[in-house]
């Protein structure tokens, strides 16, 4: 029981010095500086960055082509050439109130729902 009281007392003293005084500001800043320097050194030594790349090609959603006109089908197939073009289409046209020059409102909504 005395151990818990001692730990609580020590924690209270540390909390007091950390929040109510500036006695620990300098040591905390030094520790943060050392940690940042170590992180920078590790990053510079490895020299690599992890980039996640998905090779999985998005498939054309079923049930969409049957609803589209000929002009819309050609535009739709142009969108599904690779993952980047699908992502670009989704970010540009799948937000609220967006309009597409070729797809009608309902067909655009359907396409956005499927991707």
Protein backbone atom coordinates (compact mmCIF):
# COMPACT_ATOMS: atom_id res chain seq x y z
CA UNK A 1 0.00 0.00 0.00
CA UNK A 2 2.86 2.38 0.82
CA UNK A 3 4.34 1.76 -2.63
CA UNK A 4 1.23 3.11 -4.36
CA UNK A 5 1.19 6.18 -2.15
CA UNK A 6 4.85 6.84 -2.96
CA UNK A 7 4.23 6.43 -6.69
CA UNK A 8 1.22 8.78 -6.52
CA UNK A 9 3.26 11.33 -4.60
CA UNK A 10 6.11 11.20 -7.12
CA UNK A 11 3.65 11.49 -10.01
CA UNK A 12 2.03 14.49 -8.35
CA UNK A 13 5.37 16.22 -7.88
CA UNK A 14 6.36 15.59 -11.51
CA UNK A 15 2.96 16.83 -12.70
CA UNK A 16 3.33 19.97 -10.59
CA UNK A 17 6.80 20.74 -11.93
CA UNK A 18 5.73 20.02 -15.51
CA UNK A 19 2.59 22.16 -15.47
CA UNK A 20 3.01 24.87 -12.85
CA UNK A 21 6.70 25.72 -13.13
CA UNK A 22 9.29 26.01 -15.86
CA UNK A 23 11.78 23.74 -14.11
CA UNK A 24 11.22 20.84 -16.55
CA UNK A 25 10.87 22.87 -19.76
CA UNK A 26 14.58 22.76 -20.59
CA UNK A 27 15.07 19.01 -19.95
CA UNK A 28 11.92 18.20 -21.93
CA UNK A 29 13.13 20.36 -24.83
CA UNK A 30 16.51 18.59 -24.77
CA UNK A 31 14.89 15.17 -24.83
CA UNK A 32 12.67 16.20 -27.74
CA UNK A 33 15.69 17.54 -29.59
CA UNK A 34 17.58 14.27 -29.10
CA UNK A 35 14.57 12.27 -30.28
CA UNK A 36 14.13 14.47 -33.38
CA UNK A 37 17.85 14.21 -34.22
CA UNK A 38 17.74 10.43 -33.86
CA UNK A 39 14.68 10.24 -36.09
CA UNK A 40 16.35 12.43 -38.72
CA UNK A 41 19.50 10.30 -38.64
CA UNK A 42 17.57 7.08 -39.04
CA UNK A 43 15.59 8.55 -41.93
CA UNK A 44 18.73 9.77 -43.67
CA UNK A 45 20.54 6.45 -43.15
CA UNK A 46 17.79 4.37 -44.67
CA UNK A 47 17.05 6.84 -47.45
CA UNK A 48 13.94 4.97 -48.47
CA UNK A 49 10.31 5.82 -48.31
CA UNK A 50 7.55 3.26 -48.33
CA UNK A 51 5.01 3.86 -51.04
CA UNK A 52 2.02 1.61 -51.27
CA UNK A 53 1.06 0.77 -54.81
CA UNK A 54 -1.89 -1.32 -55.73
CA UNK A 55 -1.45 -3.39 -58.86
CA UNK A 56 -5.00 -4.63 -58.61
CA UNK A 57 -6.93 -3.22 -61.54
CA UNK A 58 -10.45 -2.10 -60.80
CA UNK A 59 -13.02 -4.07 -62.76
CA UNK A 60 -15.84 -2.46 -64.68
CA UNK A 61 -18.91 -2.66 -62.47
CA UNK A 62 -21.65 -4.91 -63.77
CA UNK A 63 -25.06 -3.56 -64.63
CA UNK A 64 -23.81 -0.13 -65.65
CA UNK A 65 -23.06 -0.52 -69.35
CA UNK A 66 -26.59 -1.70 -70.11
CA UNK A 67 -27.99 1.66 -68.94
CA UNK A 68 -25.57 3.87 -70.89
CA UNK A 69 -25.88 5.33 -74.38
CA UNK A 70 -23.18 4.68 -76.98
CA UNK A 71 -21.38 7.94 -76.25
CA UNK A 72 -21.54 7.26 -72.51
CA UNK A 73 -20.22 3.70 -72.97
CA UNK A 74 -17.12 5.01 -74.78
CA UNK A 75 -16.49 7.59 -72.05
CA UNK A 76 -17.09 4.95 -69.38
CA UNK A 77 -14.53 2.57 -70.92
CA UNK A 78 -12.00 5.41 -71.10
CA UNK A 79 -12.36 5.90 -67.34
CA UNK A 80 -11.59 2.25 -66.54
CA UNK A 81 -8.20 2.07 -68.26
CA UNK A 82 -6.22 2.08 -64.99
CA UNK A 83 -6.58 2.75 -61.27
CA UNK A 84 -5.31 6.31 -61.55
CA UNK A 85 -7.94 7.35 -64.08
CA UNK A 86 -10.69 5.80 -61.92
CA UNK A 87 -9.37 7.66 -58.86
CA UNK A 88 -9.21 10.93 -60.80
CA UNK A 89 -12.77 10.46 -62.06
CA UNK A 90 -14.03 9.64 -58.58
CA UNK A 91 -12.37 12.66 -56.98
CA UNK A 92 -13.58 15.02 -59.70
CA UNK A 93 -17.12 13.86 -60.42
CA UNK A 94 -18.32 11.84 -57.43
CA UNK A 95 -18.81 14.68 -54.99
CA UNK A 96 -22.17 16.22 -54.18
CA UNK A 97 -23.58 18.33 -56.99
CA UNK A 98 -20.91 17.45 -59.56
CA UNK A 99 -21.88 17.30 -63.21
CA UNK A 100 -20.23 15.45 -66.08
CA UNK A 101 -20.27 16.69 -69.68
CA UNK A 102 -21.22 13.27 -71.07
CA UNK A 103 -22.97 11.28 -68.34
CA UNK A 104 -26.48 12.17 -67.25
CA UNK A 105 -27.22 12.85 -63.59
CA UNK A 106 -28.68 9.38 -62.88
CA UNK A 107 -25.98 7.49 -64.76
CA UNK A 108 -23.24 9.53 -63.07
CA UNK A 109 -24.75 8.69 -59.68
CA UNK A 110 -24.89 5.01 -60.61
CA UNK A 111 -21.26 4.98 -61.73
CA UNK A 112 -20.13 6.76 -58.56
CA UNK A 113 -22.10 4.30 -56.43
CA UNK A 114 -20.48 1.33 -58.18
CA UNK A 115 -16.90 2.55 -57.88
